[in-house]
């Protein structure tokens, strides 16, 4: 039962590590126009959300609390809707997204 909580904590740890150790790389002048420095913060936020939602589900099932399980279901439903919205947005704007990714790789390329 502790799998999702540990995964959330692992994601949180990776985000904190990348924020602390890789900060100097995100401050390069070349990368400033790509807002790449928000990556570790997004990972930290995702780790927190996964940990909290997994904790709600685990405790709700263990205590057989209807309220916690309903909160868990609502959180999962919201996350699912956000994932679908992100997938649709990526599909609709795939040309712009691919151009931005290729431009970033060309700028960051090491010869």
C-alpha atoms as a PDB file:
ATOM      1  CA  UNK A   1       0.000   0.000   0.000  1.00  0.00           C
ATOM      2  CA  UNK A   2       2.954   2.342   0.440  1.00  0.00           C
ATOM      3  CA  UNK A   3       3.945   2.321  -3.256  1.00  0.00           C
ATOM      4  CA  UNK A   4       2.253   5.511  -4.496  1.00  0.00           C
ATOM      5  CA  UNK A   5       3.313   7.511  -1.440  1.00  0.00           C
ATOM      6  CA  UNK A   6       6.916   6.444  -1.920  1.00  0.00           C
ATOM      7  CA  UNK A   7       6.729   7.274  -5.613  1.00  0.00           C
ATOM      8  CA  UNK A   8       5.415  10.736  -4.774  1.00  0.00           C
ATOM      9  CA  UNK A   9       8.199  11.242  -2.258  1.00  0.00           C
ATOM     10  CA  UNK A  10      10.758  10.062  -4.826  1.00  0.00           C
ATOM     11  CA  UNK A  11       9.433  12.555  -7.380  1.00  0.00           C
ATOM     12  CA  UNK A  12       9.530  15.264  -4.721  1.00  0.00           C
ATOM     13  CA  UNK A  13      13.131  14.335  -3.860  1.00  0.00           C
ATOM     14  CA  UNK A  14      14.206  14.433  -7.513  1.00  0.00           C
ATOM     15  CA  UNK A  15      12.605  17.855  -7.915  1.00  0.00           C
ATOM     16  CA  UNK A  16      14.327  19.240  -4.833  1.00  0.00           C
ATOM     17  CA  UNK A  17      17.654  17.733  -5.900  1.00  0.00           C
ATOM     18  CA  UNK A  18      17.395  19.244  -9.380  1.00  0.00           C
ATOM     19  CA  UNK A  19      16.384  22.626  -7.929  1.00  0.00           C
ATOM     20  CA  UNK A  20      19.405  22.670  -5.603  1.00  0.00           C
ATOM     21  CA  UNK A  21      22.124  20.948  -7.653  1.00  0.00           C
ATOM     22  CA  UNK A  22      21.233  21.976 -11.202  1.00  0.00           C
ATOM     23  CA  UNK A  23      20.313  25.608 -10.514  1.00  0.00           C
ATOM     24  CA  UNK A  24      23.562  26.886 -12.042  1.00  0.00           C
ATOM     25  CA  UNK A  25      22.725  25.212 -15.364  1.00  0.00           C
ATOM     26  CA  UNK A  26      19.279  26.778 -15.459  1.00  0.00           C
ATOM     27  CA  UNK A  27      20.817  30.243 -15.064  1.00  0.00           C
ATOM     28  CA  UNK A  28      22.639  30.067 -18.419  1.00  0.00           C
ATOM     29  CA  UNK A  29      21.851  33.051 -20.617  1.00  0.00           C
ATOM     30  CA  UNK A  30      20.982  30.813 -23.572  1.00  0.00           C
ATOM     31  CA  UNK A  31      18.196  29.051 -21.656  1.00  0.00           C
ATOM     32  CA  UNK A  32      16.563  32.160 -20.156  1.00  0.00           C
ATOM     33  CA  UNK A  33      14.171  32.618 -23.090  1.00  0.00           C
ATOM     34  CA  UNK A  34      12.774  29.081 -22.709  1.00  0.00           C
ATOM     35  CA  UNK A  35      11.589  29.332 -19.075  1.00  0.00           C
ATOM     36  CA  UNK A  36      13.299  26.004 -18.451  1.00  0.00           C
ATOM     37  CA  UNK A  37      14.047  26.963 -14.852  1.00  0.00           C
ATOM     38  CA  UNK A  38      10.471  26.166 -13.853  1.00  0.00           C
ATOM     39  CA  UNK A  39      10.991  22.443 -14.559  1.00  0.00           C
ATOM     40  CA  UNK A  40      12.191  21.465 -11.077  1.00  0.00           C
ATOM     41  CA  UNK A  41       9.396  23.463  -9.485  1.00  0.00           C
ATOM     42  CA  UNK A  42       6.827  21.624 -11.588  1.00  0.00           C
ATOM     43  CA  UNK A  43       8.375  18.309 -10.525  1.00  0.00           C
ATOM     44  CA  UNK A  44       8.245  19.386  -6.861  1.00  0.00           C
ATOM     45  CA  UNK A  45       4.577  20.351  -7.213  1.00  0.00           C
ATOM     46  CA  UNK A  46       3.771  17.049  -8.940  1.00  0.00           C
ATOM     47  CA  UNK A  47       5.521  15.114  -6.187  1.00  0.00           C
ATOM     48  CA  UNK A  48       3.509  16.940  -3.531  1.00  0.00           C
ATOM     49  CA  UNK A  49       0.226  16.320  -5.337  1.00  0.00           C
ATOM     50  CA  UNK A  50       0.960  12.617  -5.885  1.00  0.00           C
ATOM     51  CA  UNK A  51       1.965  12.159  -2.242  1.00  0.00           C
ATOM     52  CA  UNK A  52      -1.122  13.916  -0.875  1.00  0.00           C
ATOM     53  CA  UNK A  53      -3.560  12.128  -3.191  1.00  0.00           C
ATOM     54  CA  UNK A  54      -1.958   8.741  -2.516  1.00  0.00           C
ATOM     55  CA  UNK A  55      -2.081   9.420   1.218  1.00  0.00           C
ATOM     56  CA  UNK A  56      -5.803  10.245   0.959  1.00  0.00           C
ATOM     57  CA  UNK A  57      -6.483   7.017  -0.918  1.00  0.00           C
ATOM     58  CA  UNK A  58      -4.374   4.854   1.375  1.00  0.00           C
ATOM     59  CA  UNK A  59      -5.759   6.265   4.621  1.00  0.00           C
ATOM     60  CA  UNK A  60      -9.301   6.293   3.261  1.00  0.00           C
ATOM     61  CA  UNK A  61      -9.099   2.609   2.377  1.00  0.00           C
ATOM     62  CA  UNK A  62      -7.386   1.679   5.635  1.00  0.00           C
ATOM     63  CA  UNK A  63      -9.829   3.564   7.870  1.00  0.00           C
ATOM     64  CA  UNK A  64     -12.764   2.831   5.537  1.00  0.00           C
ATOM     65  CA  UNK A  65     -13.582   6.527   5.603  1.00  0.00           C
ATOM     66  CA  UNK A  66     -16.192   7.444   3.021  1.00  0.00           C
ATOM     67  CA  UNK A  67     -15.212  11.124   3.143  1.00  0.00           C
ATOM     68  CA  UNK A  68     -11.528  10.425   2.435  1.00  0.00           C
ATOM     69  CA  UNK A  69     -12.369   8.038  -0.364  1.00  0.00           C
ATOM     70  CA  UNK A  70     -14.692  10.594  -1.963  1.00  0.00           C
ATOM     71  CA  UNK A  71     -11.926  13.227  -1.701  1.00  0.00           C
ATOM     72  CA  UNK A  72      -9.516  10.728  -3.271  1.00  0.00           C
ATOM     73  CA  UNK A  73     -11.958  10.035  -6.113  1.00  0.00           C
ATOM     74  CA  UNK A  74     -12.526  13.751  -6.760  1.00  0.00           C
ATOM     75  CA  UNK A  75      -8.761  14.424  -6.782  1.00  0.00           C
ATOM     76  CA  UNK A  76      -8.191  11.535  -9.186  1.00  0.00           C
ATOM     77  CA  UNK A  77     -11.005  12.743 -11.428  1.00  0.00           C
ATOM     78  CA  UNK A  78      -9.559  16.265 -11.512  1.00  0.00           C
ATOM     79  CA  UNK A  79      -6.073  14.920 -12.291  1.00  0.00           C
ATOM     80  CA  UNK A  80      -7.495  12.720 -15.046  1.00  0.00           C
ATOM     81  CA  UNK A  81      -9.317  15.682 -16.598  1.00  0.00           C
ATOM     82  CA  UNK A  82      -6.126  17.762 -16.447  1.00  0.00           C
ATOM     83  CA  UNK A  83      -4.186  14.997 -18.191  1.00  0.00           C
ATOM     84  CA  UNK A  84      -6.775  14.786 -20.953  1.00  0.00           C
ATOM     85  CA  UNK A  85      -6.733  18.573 -21.343  1.00  0.00           C
ATOM     86  CA  UNK A  86      -2.926  18.563 -21.572  1.00  0.00           C
ATOM     87  CA  UNK A  87      -2.998  15.784 -24.183  1.00  0.00           C
ATOM     88  CA  UNK A  88      -5.590  17.607 -26.280  1.00  0.00           C
ATOM     89  CA  UNK A  89      -3.657  20.877 -26.030  1.00  0.00           C
ATOM     90  CA  UNK A  90      -0.420  19.130 -27.034  1.00  0.00           C
ATOM     91  CA  UNK A  91      -2.188  17.501 -29.998  1.00  0.00           C
ATOM     92  CA  UNK A  92      -3.765  20.761 -31.176  1.00  0.00           C
ATOM     93  CA  UNK A  93      -0.537  22.739 -30.843  1.00  0.00           C
ATOM     94  CA  UNK A  94       1.833  19.933 -31.843  1.00  0.00           C
ATOM     95  CA  UNK A  95       3.485  21.899 -34.676  1.00  0.00           C
ATOM     96  CA  UNK A  96       4.319  24.831 -32.408  1.00  0.00           C
ATOM     97  CA  UNK A  97       5.399  22.454 -29.641  1.00  0.00           C
ATOM     98  CA  UNK A  98       7.710  20.470 -31.949  1.00  0.00           C
ATOM     99  CA  UNK A  99       9.224  23.677 -33.341  1.00  0.00           C
ATOM    100  CA  UNK A 100       9.900  24.934 -29.825  1.00  0.00           C
ATOM    101  CA  UNK A 101      11.472  21.619 -28.774  1.00  0.00           C
ATOM    102  CA  UNK A 102      13.698  21.459 -31.868  1.00  0.00           C
ATOM    103  CA  UNK A 103      14.755  25.089 -31.402  1.00  0.00           C
ATOM    104  CA  UNK A 104      15.670  24.391 -27.801  1.00  0.00           C
ATOM    105  CA  UNK A 105      17.722  21.344 -28.804  1.00  0.00           C
ATOM    106  CA  UNK A 106      19.533  23.349 -31.494  1.00  0.00           C
ATOM    107  CA  UNK A 107      20.389  26.091 -29.020  1.00  0.00           C
ATOM    108  CA  UNK A 108      21.542  23.622 -26.362  1.00  0.00           C
ATOM    109  CA  UNK A 109      23.500  21.402 -28.754  1.00  0.00           C
ATOM    110  CA  UNK A 110      27.103  20.755 -27.810  1.00  0.00           C
ATOM    111  CA  UNK A 111      29.508  20.359 -30.736  1.00  0.00           C
END
